[in-house]
PDB file of all heavy atoms in Angstrom:
ATOM      1  N   ALA A   1     -12.988  14.256   9.597  1.00  0.00           N
ATOM      2  CA  ALA A   1     -14.395  14.225   9.204  1.00  0.00           C
ATOM      3  C   ALA A   1     -14.884  15.616   8.814  1.00  0.00           C
ATOM      4  O   ALA A   1     -14.373  16.636   9.297  1.00  0.00           O
ATOM      5  CB  ALA A   1     -15.254  13.684  10.344  1.00  0.00           C
ATOM      6  N   VAL A   2     -15.865  15.627   7.930  1.00  0.00           N
ATOM      7  CA  VAL A   2     -16.634  16.835   7.612  1.00  0.00           C
ATOM      8  C   VAL A   2     -18.062  16.576   8.049  1.00  0.00           C
ATOM      9  O   VAL A   2     -18.659  15.553   7.675  1.00  0.00           O
ATOM     10  CB  VAL A   2     -16.607  17.155   6.104  1.00  0.00           C
ATOM     11  CG1 VAL A   2     -17.445  18.403   5.821  1.00  0.00           C
ATOM     12  CG2 VAL A   2     -15.188  17.344   5.608  1.00  0.00           C
ATOM     13  N   VAL A   3     -18.602  17.465   8.848  1.00  0.00           N
ATOM     14  CA  VAL A   3     -19.959  17.324   9.350  1.00  0.00           C
ATOM     15  C   VAL A   3     -20.863  18.252   8.535  1.00  0.00           C
ATOM     16  O   VAL A   3     -20.705  19.470   8.581  1.00  0.00           O
ATOM     17  CB  VAL A   3     -20.047  17.664  10.854  1.00  0.00           C
ATOM     18  CG1 VAL A   3     -21.456  17.408  11.373  1.00  0.00           C
ATOM     19  CG2 VAL A   3     -19.032  16.842  11.649  1.00  0.00           C
ATOM     20  N   VAL A   4     -21.783  17.653   7.774  1.00  0.00           N
ATOM     21  CA  VAL A   4     -22.639  18.400   6.851  1.00  0.00           C
ATOM     22  C   VAL A   4     -24.057  18.486   7.419  1.00  0.00           C
ATOM     23  O   VAL A   4     -24.689  17.457   7.688  1.00  0.00           O
ATOM     24  CB  VAL A   4     -22.681  17.726   5.464  1.00  0.00           C
ATOM     25  CG1 VAL A   4     -23.553  18.541   4.497  1.00  0.00           C
ATOM     26  CG2 VAL A   4     -21.273  17.551   4.905  1.00  0.00           C
ATOM     27  N   ASP A   5     -24.541  19.699   7.631  1.00  0.00           N
ATOM     28  CA  ASP A   5     -25.924  19.943   8.061  1.00  0.00           C
ATOM     29  C   ASP A   5     -26.338  19.117   9.278  1.00  0.00           C
ATOM     30  O   ASP A   5     -27.375  18.436   9.259  1.00  0.00           O
ATOM     31  CB  ASP A   5     -26.898  19.640   6.907  1.00  0.00           C
ATOM     32  CG  ASP A   5     -26.844  20.661   5.782  1.00  0.00           C
ATOM     33  OD1 ASP A   5     -26.232  21.726   5.976  1.00  0.00           O
ATOM     34  OD2 ASP A   5     -27.425  20.388   4.719  1.00  0.00           O
ATOM     35  N   PRO A   6     -25.588  19.148  10.378  1.00  0.00           N
ATOM     36  CA  PRO A   6     -25.990  18.347  11.536  1.00  0.00           C
ATOM     37  C   PRO A   6     -27.330  18.828  12.105  1.00  0.00           C
ATOM     38  O   PRO A   6     -27.549  20.019  12.267  1.00  0.00           O
ATOM     39  CB  PRO A   6     -24.846  18.577  12.533  1.00  0.00           C
ATOM     40  CG  PRO A   6     -24.256  19.903  12.142  1.00  0.00           C
ATOM     41  CD  PRO A   6     -24.389  19.969  10.653  1.00  0.00           C
ATOM     42  N   ALA A   7     -28.223  17.862  12.393  1.00  0.00           N
ATOM     43  CA  ALA A   7     -29.575  18.225  12.834  1.00  0.00           C
ATOM     44  C   ALA A   7     -30.210  17.054  13.577  1.00  0.00           C
ATOM     45  O   ALA A   7     -29.767  15.935  13.454  1.00  0.00           O
ATOM     46  CB  ALA A   7     -30.423  18.590  11.597  1.00  0.00           C
ATOM     47  N   TRP A   8     -31.273  17.184  14.379  1.00  0.00           N
ATOM     48  CA  TRP A   8     -31.909  18.497  14.550  1.00  0.00           C
ATOM     49  C   TRP A   8     -32.097  18.704  16.045  1.00  0.00           C
ATOM     50  O   TRP A   8     -31.957  19.790  16.560  1.00  0.00           O
ATOM     51  CB  TRP A   8     -33.243  18.457  13.828  1.00  0.00           C
ATOM     52  CG  TRP A   8     -34.100  19.689  13.943  1.00  0.00           C
ATOM     53  CD1 TRP A   8     -34.246  20.507  15.033  1.00  0.00           C
ATOM     54  CD2 TRP A   8     -34.899  20.231  12.935  1.00  0.00           C
ATOM     55  NE1 TRP A   8     -35.112  21.524  14.739  1.00  0.00           N
ATOM     56  CE2 TRP A   8     -35.528  21.385  13.465  1.00  0.00           C
ATOM     57  CE3 TRP A   8     -35.174  19.885  11.639  1.00  0.00           C
ATOM     58  CZ2 TRP A   8     -36.408  22.161  12.724  1.00  0.00           C
ATOM     59  CZ3 TRP A   8     -36.036  20.656  10.919  1.00  0.00           C
ATOM     60  CH2 TRP A   8     -36.651  21.794  11.447  1.00  0.00           C
ATOM     61  N   GLN A   9     -32.447  17.613  16.753  1.00  0.00           N
ATOM     62  CA  GLN A   9     -32.734  17.738  18.177  1.00  0.00           C
ATOM     63  C   GLN A   9     -31.456  17.578  19.003  1.00  0.00           C
ATOM     64  O   GLN A   9     -30.452  17.045  18.532  1.00  0.00           O
ATOM     65  CB  GLN A   9     -33.767  16.697  18.590  1.00  0.00           C
ATOM     66  CG  GLN A   9     -35.078  16.791  17.819  1.00  0.00           C
ATOM     67  CD  GLN A   9     -35.775  18.131  17.987  1.00  0.00           C
ATOM     68  OE1 GLN A   9     -35.601  18.803  19.015  1.00  0.00           O
ATOM     69  NE2 GLN A   9     -36.562  18.536  17.001  1.00  0.00           N
ATOM     70  N   ALA A  10     -31.523  18.035  20.247  1.00  0.00           N
ATOM     71  CA  ALA A  10     -30.335  18.032  21.098  1.00  0.00           C
ATOM     72  C   ALA A  10     -29.773  16.629  21.272  1.00  0.00           C
ATOM     73  O   ALA A  10     -28.555  16.422  21.194  1.00  0.00           O
ATOM     74  CB  ALA A  10     -30.668  18.641  22.460  1.00  0.00           C
ATOM     75  N   ASP A  11     -30.648  15.639  21.500  1.00  0.00           N
ATOM     76  CA  ASP A  11     -30.152  14.278  21.686  1.00  0.00           C
ATOM     77  C   ASP A  11     -29.563  13.714  20.410  1.00  0.00           C
ATOM     78  O   ASP A  11     -28.628  12.898  20.435  1.00  0.00           O
ATOM     79  CB  ASP A  11     -31.267  13.367  22.218  1.00  0.00           C
ATOM     80  CG  ASP A  11     -32.438  13.244  21.264  1.00  0.00           C
ATOM     81  OD1 ASP A  11     -32.896  14.278  20.733  1.00  0.00           O
ATOM     82  OD2 ASP A  11     -32.914  12.112  21.034  1.00  0.00           O
ATOM     83  N   GLU A  12     -30.070  14.159  19.273  1.00  0.00           N
ATOM     84  CA  GLU A  12     -29.548  13.693  17.986  1.00  0.00           C
ATOM     85  C   GLU A  12     -28.169  14.303  17.717  1.00  0.00           C
ATOM     86  O   GLU A  12     -27.267  13.615  17.205  1.00  0.00           O
ATOM     87  CB  GLU A  12     -30.537  14.038  16.883  1.00  0.00           C
ATOM     88  CG  GLU A  12     -31.858  13.306  17.039  1.00  0.00           C
ATOM     89  CD  GLU A  12     -32.954  13.794  16.115  1.00  0.00           C
ATOM     90  OE1 GLU A  12     -32.877  14.933  15.614  1.00  0.00           O
ATOM     91  OE2 GLU A  12     -33.905  13.023  15.897  1.00  0.00           O
ATOM     92  N   LEU A  13     -28.002  15.552  18.063  1.00  0.00           N
ATOM     93  CA  LEU A  13     -26.679  16.162  17.946  1.00  0.00           C
ATOM     94  C   LEU A  13     -25.691  15.480  18.892  1.00  0.00           C
ATOM     95  O   LEU A  13     -24.522  15.259  18.536  1.00  0.00           O
ATOM     96  CB  LEU A  13     -26.768  17.663  18.232  1.00  0.00           C
ATOM     97  CG  LEU A  13     -27.550  18.484  17.202  1.00  0.00           C
ATOM     98  CD1 LEU A  13     -27.820  19.886  17.737  1.00  0.00           C
ATOM     99  CD2 LEU A  13     -26.817  18.558  15.874  1.00  0.00           C
ATOM    100  N   ASP A  14     -26.157  15.123  20.087  1.00  0.00           N
ATOM    101  CA  ASP A  14     -25.320  14.343  21.012  1.00  0.00           C
ATOM    102  C   ASP A  14     -24.897  13.023  20.379  1.00  0.00           C
ATOM    103  O   ASP A  14     -23.749  12.589  20.508  1.00  0.00           O
ATOM    104  CB  ASP A  14     -26.082  14.045  22.309  1.00  0.00           C
ATOM    105  CG  ASP A  14     -26.070  15.210  23.291  1.00  0.00           C
ATOM    106  OD1 ASP A  14     -25.146  16.043  23.223  1.00  0.00           O
ATOM    107  OD2 ASP A  14     -26.989  15.278  24.127  1.00  0.00           O
ATOM    108  N   ARG A  15     -25.840  12.370  19.713  1.00  0.00           N
ATOM    109  CA  ARG A  15     -25.533  11.073  19.092  1.00  0.00           C
ATOM    110  C   ARG A  15     -24.491  11.225  17.986  1.00  0.00           C
ATOM    111  O   ARG A  15     -23.601  10.372  17.825  1.00  0.00           O
ATOM    112  CB  ARG A  15     -26.813  10.451  18.532  1.00  0.00           C
ATOM    113  CG  ARG A  15     -26.592   9.113  17.833  1.00  0.00           C
ATOM    114  CD  ARG A  15     -26.151   8.033  18.804  1.00  0.00           C
ATOM    115  NE  ARG A  15     -25.707   6.828  18.098  1.00  0.00           N
ATOM    116  CZ  ARG A  15     -24.431   6.479  17.903  1.00  0.00           C
ATOM    117  NH1 ARG A  15     -23.448   7.244  18.372  1.00  0.00           N
ATOM    118  NH2 ARG A  15     -24.124   5.376  17.254  1.00  0.00           N
ATOM    119  N   LEU A  16     -24.578  12.297  17.220  1.00  0.00           N
ATOM    120  CA  LEU A  16     -23.561  12.549  16.198  1.00  0.00           C
ATOM    121  C   LEU A  16     -22.192  12.753  16.837  1.00  0.00           C
ATOM    122  O   LEU A  16     -21.173  12.249  16.338  1.00  0.00           O
ATOM    123  CB  LEU A  16     -23.947  13.776  15.367  1.00  0.00           C
ATOM    124  CG  LEU A  16     -25.104  13.598  14.386  1.00  0.00           C
ATOM    125  CD1 LEU A  16     -25.540  14.956  13.853  1.00  0.00           C
ATOM    126  CD2 LEU A  16     -24.713  12.680  13.244  1.00  0.00           C
ATOM    127  N   ALA A  17     -22.168  13.480  17.945  1.00  0.00           N
ATOM    128  CA  ALA A  17     -20.900  13.674  18.658  1.00  0.00           C
ATOM    129  C   ALA A  17     -20.378  12.347  19.198  1.00  0.00           C
ATOM    130  O   ALA A  17     -19.161  12.086  19.155  1.00  0.00           O
ATOM    131  CB  ALA A  17     -21.091  14.678  19.794  1.00  0.00           C
ATOM    132  N   ASP A  18     -21.277  11.492  19.695  1.00  0.00           N
ATOM    133  CA  ASP A  18     -20.877  10.166  20.162  1.00  0.00           C
ATOM    134  C   ASP A  18     -20.235   9.371  19.036  1.00  0.00           C
ATOM    135  O   ASP A  18     -19.221   8.684  19.236  1.00  0.00           O
ATOM    136  CB  ASP A  18     -22.082   9.384  20.692  1.00  0.00           C
ATOM    137  CG  ASP A  18     -22.608   9.909  22.014  1.00  0.00           C
ATOM    138  OD1 ASP A  18     -21.863  10.651  22.697  1.00  0.00           O
ATOM    139  OD2 ASP A  18     -23.755   9.572  22.362  1.00  0.00           O
ATOM    140  N   LEU A  19     -20.825   9.449  17.858  1.00  0.00           N
ATOM    141  CA  LEU A  19     -20.302   8.697  16.718  1.00  0.00           C
ATOM    142  C   LEU A  19     -18.879   9.123  16.378  1.00  0.00           C
ATOM    143  O   LEU A  19     -18.000   8.287  16.141  1.00  0.00           O
ATOM    144  CB  LEU A  19     -21.187   8.869  15.505  1.00  0.00           C
ATOM    145  CG  LEU A  19     -20.615   8.210  14.255  1.00  0.00           C
ATOM    146  CD1 LEU A  19     -20.833   6.710  14.265  1.00  0.00           C
ATOM    147  CD2 LEU A  19     -21.160   8.822  12.998  1.00  0.00           C
ATOM    148  N   LEU A  20     -18.661  10.424  16.343  1.00  0.00           N
ATOM    149  CA  LEU A  20     -17.310  10.913  16.067  1.00  0.00           C
ATOM    150  C   LEU A  20     -16.330  10.365  17.099  1.00  0.00           C
ATOM    151  O   LEU A  20     -15.228   9.909  16.753  1.00  0.00           O
ATOM    152  CB  LEU A  20     -17.290  12.443  16.065  1.00  0.00           C
ATOM    153  CG  LEU A  20     -18.051  13.145  14.936  1.00  0.00           C
ATOM    154  CD1 LEU A  20     -18.025  14.657  15.158  1.00  0.00           C
ATOM    155  CD2 LEU A  20     -17.464  12.813  13.569  1.00  0.00           C
ATOM    156  N   ALA A  21     -16.735  10.385  18.371  1.00  0.00           N
ATOM    157  CA  ALA A  21     -15.858   9.899  19.435  1.00  0.00           C
ATOM    158  C   ALA A  21     -15.629   8.394  19.309  1.00  0.00           C
ATOM    159  O   ALA A  21     -14.493   7.910  19.453  1.00  0.00           O
ATOM    160  CB  ALA A  21     -16.457  10.245  20.799  1.00  0.00           C
ATOM    161  N   GLU A  22     -16.694   7.639  19.038  1.00  0.00           N
ATOM    162  CA  GLU A  22     -16.573   6.192  18.917  1.00  0.00           C
ATOM    163  C   GLU A  22     -15.618   5.791  17.796  1.00  0.00           C
ATOM    164  O   GLU A  22     -14.879   4.806  17.913  1.00  0.00           O
ATOM    165  CB  GLU A  22     -17.959   5.582  18.665  1.00  0.00           C
ATOM    166  CG  GLU A  22     -18.884   5.627  19.862  1.00  0.00           C
ATOM    167  CD  GLU A  22     -20.337   5.411  19.470  1.00  0.00           C
ATOM    168  OE1 GLU A  22     -20.590   5.099  18.269  1.00  0.00           O
ATOM    169  OE2 GLU A  22     -21.212   5.552  20.332  1.00  0.00           O
ATOM    170  N   ARG A  23     -15.642   6.541  16.720  1.00  0.00           N
ATOM    171  CA  ARG A  23     -14.798   6.225  15.568  1.00  0.00           C
ATOM    172  C   ARG A  23     -13.464   6.973  15.607  1.00  0.00           C
ATOM    173  O   ARG A  23     -12.683   6.891  14.669  1.00  0.00           O
ATOM    174  CB  ARG A  23     -15.543   6.543  14.276  1.00  0.00           C
ATOM    175  CG  ARG A  23     -16.798   5.707  14.106  1.00  0.00           C
ATOM    176  CD  ARG A  23     -17.207   5.612  12.667  1.00  0.00           C
ATOM    177  NE  ARG A  23     -18.322   4.694  12.485  1.00  0.00           N
ATOM    178  CZ  ARG A  23     -18.585   4.075  11.337  1.00  0.00           C
ATOM    179  NH1 ARG A  23     -17.811   4.272  10.276  1.00  0.00           N
ATOM    180  NH2 ARG A  23     -19.619   3.266  11.241  1.00  0.00           N
ATOM    181  N   ARG A  24     -13.253   7.695  16.707  1.00  0.00           N
ATOM    182  CA  ARG A  24     -12.024   8.482  16.881  1.00  0.00           C
ATOM    183  C   ARG A  24     -11.797   9.422  15.693  1.00  0.00           C
ATOM    184  O   ARG A  24     -10.690   9.574  15.192  1.00  0.00           O
ATOM    185  CB  ARG A  24     -10.824   7.564  17.103  1.00  0.00           C
ATOM    186  CG  ARG A  24     -10.884   6.834  18.437  1.00  0.00           C
ATOM    187  CD  ARG A  24      -9.631   6.058  18.719  1.00  0.00           C
ATOM    188  NE  ARG A  24      -9.511   4.907  17.825  1.00  0.00           N
ATOM    189  CZ  ARG A  24      -8.432   4.150  17.721  1.00  0.00           C
ATOM    190  NH1 ARG A  24      -7.357   4.426  18.439  1.00  0.00           N
ATOM    191  NH2 ARG A  24      -8.421   3.110  16.901  1.00  0.00           N
ATOM    192  N   LEU A  25     -12.883  10.068  15.302  1.00  0.00           N
ATOM    193  CA  LEU A  25     -12.832  11.034  14.217  1.00  0.00           C
ATOM    194  C   LEU A  25     -12.816  12.453  14.784  1.00  0.00           C
ATOM    195  O   LEU A  25     -13.485  12.744  15.770  1.00  0.00           O
ATOM    196  CB  LEU A  25     -14.050  10.884  13.298  1.00  0.00           C
ATOM    197  CG  LEU A  25     -14.185   9.566  12.543  1.00  0.00           C
ATOM    198  CD1 LEU A  25     -15.539   9.493  11.847  1.00  0.00           C
ATOM    199  CD2 LEU A  25     -13.053   9.409  11.532  1.00  0.00           C
ATOM    200  N   THR A  26     -12.055  13.314  14.142  1.00  0.00           N
ATOM    201  CA  THR A  26     -12.003  14.725  14.499  1.00  0.00           C
ATOM    202  C   THR A  26     -12.644  15.535  13.386  1.00  0.00           C
ATOM    203  O   THR A  26     -12.295  15.379  12.208  1.00  0.00           O
ATOM    204  CB  THR A  26     -10.552  15.188  14.693  1.00  0.00           C
ATOM    205  OG1 THR A  26      -9.959  14.440  15.759  1.00  0.00           O
ATOM    206  CG2 THR A  26     -10.498  16.670  15.023  1.00  0.00           C
ATOM    207  N   ALA A  27     -13.589  16.387  13.750  1.00  0.00           N
ATOM    208  CA  ALA A  27     -14.234  17.235  12.747  1.00  0.00           C
ATOM    209  C   ALA A  27     -13.238  18.274  12.253  1.00  0.00           C
ATOM    210  O   ALA A  27     -12.798  19.145  13.002  1.00  0.00           O
ATOM    211  CB  ALA A  27     -15.465  17.911  13.334  1.00  0.00           C
ATOM    212  N   ALA A  28     -12.874  18.149  10.982  1.00  0.00           N
ATOM    213  CA  ALA A  28     -11.972  19.116  10.359  1.00  0.00           C
ATOM    214  C   ALA A  28     -12.729  20.307   9.800  1.00  0.00           C
ATOM    215  O   ALA A  28     -12.174  21.404   9.677  1.00  0.00           O
ATOM    216  CB  ALA A  28     -11.183  18.441   9.235  1.00  0.00           C
ATOM    217  N   LEU A  29     -14.011  20.085   9.457  1.00  0.00           N
ATOM    218  CA  LEU A  29     -14.835  21.122   8.860  1.00  0.00           C
ATOM    219  C   LEU A  29     -16.292  20.876   9.220  1.00  0.00           C
ATOM    220  O   LEU A  29     -16.714  19.732   9.440  1.00  0.00           O
ATOM    221  CB  LEU A  29     -14.759  21.092   7.326  1.00  0.00           C
ATOM    222  CG  LEU A  29     -13.534  21.570   6.580  1.00  0.00           C
ATOM    223  CD1 LEU A  29     -13.754  21.331   5.082  1.00  0.00           C
ATOM    224  CD2 LEU A  29     -13.272  23.036   6.861  1.00  0.00           C
ATOM    225  N   GLY A  30     -17.050  21.947   9.210  1.00  0.00           N
ATOM    226  CA  GLY A  30     -18.499  21.852   9.125  1.00  0.00           C
ATOM    227  C   GLY A  30     -18.924  22.455   7.806  1.00  0.00           C
ATOM    228  O   GLY A  30     -18.254  23.362   7.287  1.00  0.00           O
ATOM    229  N   TRP A  31     -20.002  21.947   7.224  1.00  0.00           N
ATOM    230  CA  TRP A  31     -20.516  22.522   5.986  1.00  0.00           C
ATOM    231  C   TRP A  31     -22.035  22.642   6.091  1.00  0.00           C
ATOM    232  O   TRP A  31     -22.720  21.691   6.479  1.00  0.00           O
ATOM    233  CB  TRP A  31     -20.160  21.669   4.770  1.00  0.00           C
ATOM    234  CG  TRP A  31     -20.679  22.279   3.492  1.00  0.00           C
ATOM    235  CD1 TRP A  31     -21.812  21.947   2.817  1.00  0.00           C
ATOM    236  CD2 TRP A  31     -20.091  23.381   2.776  1.00  0.00           C
ATOM    237  NE1 TRP A  31     -21.970  22.769   1.715  1.00  0.00           N
ATOM    238  CE2 TRP A  31     -20.923  23.656   1.670  1.00  0.00           C
ATOM    239  CE3 TRP A  31     -18.947  24.149   2.974  1.00  0.00           C
ATOM    240  CZ2 TRP A  31     -20.639  24.670   0.763  1.00  0.00           C
ATOM    241  CZ3 TRP A  31     -18.667  25.170   2.068  1.00  0.00           C
ATOM    242  CH2 TRP A  31     -19.503  25.411   0.983  1.00  0.00           C
ATOM    243  N   SER A  32     -22.547  23.827   5.778  1.00  0.00           N
ATOM    244  CA  SER A  32     -23.990  24.065   5.700  1.00  0.00           C
ATOM    245  C   SER A  32     -24.374  24.249   4.247  1.00  0.00           C
ATOM    246  O   SER A  32     -23.797  25.102   3.558  1.00  0.00           O
ATOM    247  CB  SER A  32     -24.387  25.311   6.502  1.00  0.00           C
ATOM    248  OG  SER A  32     -24.227  25.091   7.888  1.00  0.00           O
ATOM    249  N   THR A  33     -25.347  23.471   3.780  1.00  0.00           N
ATOM    250  CA  THR A  33     -25.740  23.580   2.383  1.00  0.00           C
ATOM    251  C   THR A  33     -26.453  24.890   2.083  1.00  0.00           C
ATOM    252  O   THR A  33     -26.389  25.381   0.947  1.00  0.00           O
ATOM    253  CB  THR A  33     -26.644  22.407   1.971  1.00  0.00           C
ATOM    254  OG1 THR A  33     -27.775  22.340   2.862  1.00  0.00           O
ATOM    255  CG2 THR A  33     -25.882  21.089   2.013  1.00  0.00           C
ATOM    256  N   HIS A  34     -27.112  25.459   3.097  1.00  0.00           N
ATOM    257  CA  HIS A  34     -27.770  26.750   2.901  1.00  0.00           C
ATOM    258  C   HIS A  34     -28.139  27.327   4.264  1.00  0.00           C
ATOM    259  O   HIS A  34     -27.987  26.659   5.291  1.00  0.00           O
ATOM    260  CB  HIS A  34     -28.989  26.626   1.990  1.00  0.00           C
ATOM    261  CG  HIS A  34     -30.060  25.696   2.482  1.00  0.00           C
ATOM    262  ND1 HIS A  34     -29.887  24.329   2.563  1.00  0.00           N
ATOM    263  CD2 HIS A  34     -31.331  25.927   2.913  1.00  0.00           C
ATOM    264  CE1 HIS A  34     -30.994  23.764   3.004  1.00  0.00           C
ATOM    265  NE2 HIS A  34     -31.875  24.717   3.246  1.00  0.00           N
ATOM    266  N   ALA A  35     -28.642  28.554   4.247  1.00  0.00           N
ATOM    267  CA  ALA A  35     -28.807  29.299   5.498  1.00  0.00           C
ATOM    268  C   ALA A  35     -30.232  29.261   6.027  1.00  0.00           C
ATOM    269  O   ALA A  35     -30.804  30.299   6.380  1.00  0.00           O
ATOM    270  CB  ALA A  35     -28.354  30.740   5.308  1.00  0.00           C
ATOM    271  N   HIS A  36     -30.822  28.070   6.109  1.00  0.00           N
ATOM    272  CA  HIS A  36     -32.066  27.887   6.842  1.00  0.00           C
ATOM    273  C   HIS A  36     -31.748  27.266   8.189  1.00  0.00           C
ATOM    274  O   HIS A  36     -30.779  26.513   8.329  1.00  0.00           O
ATOM    275  CB  HIS A  36     -33.045  27.022   6.044  1.00  0.00           C
ATOM    276  CG  HIS A  36     -33.620  27.729   4.856  1.00  0.00           C
ATOM    277  ND1 HIS A  36     -34.259  27.077   3.823  1.00  0.00           N
ATOM    278  CD2 HIS A  36     -33.642  29.052   4.531  1.00  0.00           C
ATOM    279  CE1 HIS A  36     -34.670  27.961   2.929  1.00  0.00           C
ATOM    280  NE2 HIS A  36     -34.307  29.167   3.333  1.00  0.00           N
ATOM    281  N   HIS A  37     -32.583  27.563   9.190  1.00  0.00           N
ATOM    282  CA  HIS A  37     -32.203  27.277  10.576  1.00  0.00           C
ATOM    283  C   HIS A  37     -31.866  25.813  10.832  1.00  0.00           C
ATOM    284  O   HIS A  37     -30.987  25.513  11.636  1.00  0.00           O
ATOM    285  CB  HIS A  37     -33.304  27.748  11.535  1.00  0.00           C
ATOM    286  CG  HIS A  37     -34.617  27.051  11.376  1.00  0.00           C
ATOM    287  ND1 HIS A  37     -35.548  27.438  10.444  1.00  0.00           N
ATOM    288  CD2 HIS A  37     -35.157  25.995  12.036  1.00  0.00           C
ATOM    289  CE1 HIS A  37     -36.607  26.658  10.539  1.00  0.00           C
ATOM    290  NE2 HIS A  37     -36.393  25.762  11.488  1.00  0.00           N
TER     291      HIS A  37
END
């Protein structure tokens, strides 16, 4: 998997991590479209 611009709240980031685990996906890359927080 490639994780693009993961956001924004702590529980939402947890949910994204849950999804990767549920689908047995490993993040191969992260990608940020630009450098805003």
